[in-house]
Each structure stands twice: as structure tokens, then as C-alpha cells.
Amino acid sequence: MFLTVHIGRSLLCHGYKLWYFNLLDTIS
């Protein structure tokens, strides 16, 4: 259970960073 939550949070954080950098790329 804990491992699943940890992996899920890691994926969420990674996806958020990718989306954020994508947004910066679009703006500039």
C-alpha cells in the first residue's frame, strides 16, 4: 500500500514538472 502511494506521488510530481516545463516552453 505504502509503496503504491509513493510511486503514485512520484509519477504525479514528475508529470507536473513535465507539464510546467511544457507551459514555459509555450509561453516563451
Protein backbone atom coordinates (compact mmCIF):
# COMPACT_ATOMS: atom_id res chain seq x y z
CA MET A 1 0.00 0.00 0.00
CA PHE A 2 2.68 2.48 1.05
CA LEU A 3 4.82 1.60 -1.97
CA THR A 4 1.89 2.20 -4.33
CA VAL A 5 1.23 5.61 -2.79
CA HIS A 6 4.91 6.52 -3.02
CA ILE A 7 5.10 5.55 -6.71
CA GLY A 8 1.86 7.40 -7.43
CA ARG A 9 3.13 10.59 -5.81
CA SER A 10 6.44 10.34 -7.67
CA LEU A 11 4.63 9.97 -11.01
CA LEU A 12 2.34 12.87 -10.14
CA CYS A 13 5.30 15.11 -9.27
CA HIS A 14 7.16 14.08 -12.43
CA GLY A 15 4.10 14.69 -14.61
CA TYR A 16 3.57 18.10 -13.01
CA LYS A 17 7.16 19.11 -13.77
CA LEU A 18 6.82 17.98 -17.39
CA TRP A 19 3.58 19.99 -17.72
CA TYR A 20 5.20 23.04 -16.09
CA PHE A 21 8.21 23.00 -18.43
CA ASN A 22 5.87 22.48 -21.38
CA LEU A 23 3.94 25.56 -20.29
CA LEU A 24 7.12 27.64 -20.02
CA ASP A 25 8.13 26.44 -23.48
CA THR A 26 4.77 27.52 -24.91
CA ILE A 27 4.88 30.96 -23.27
CA SER A 28 8.40 31.88 -24.41
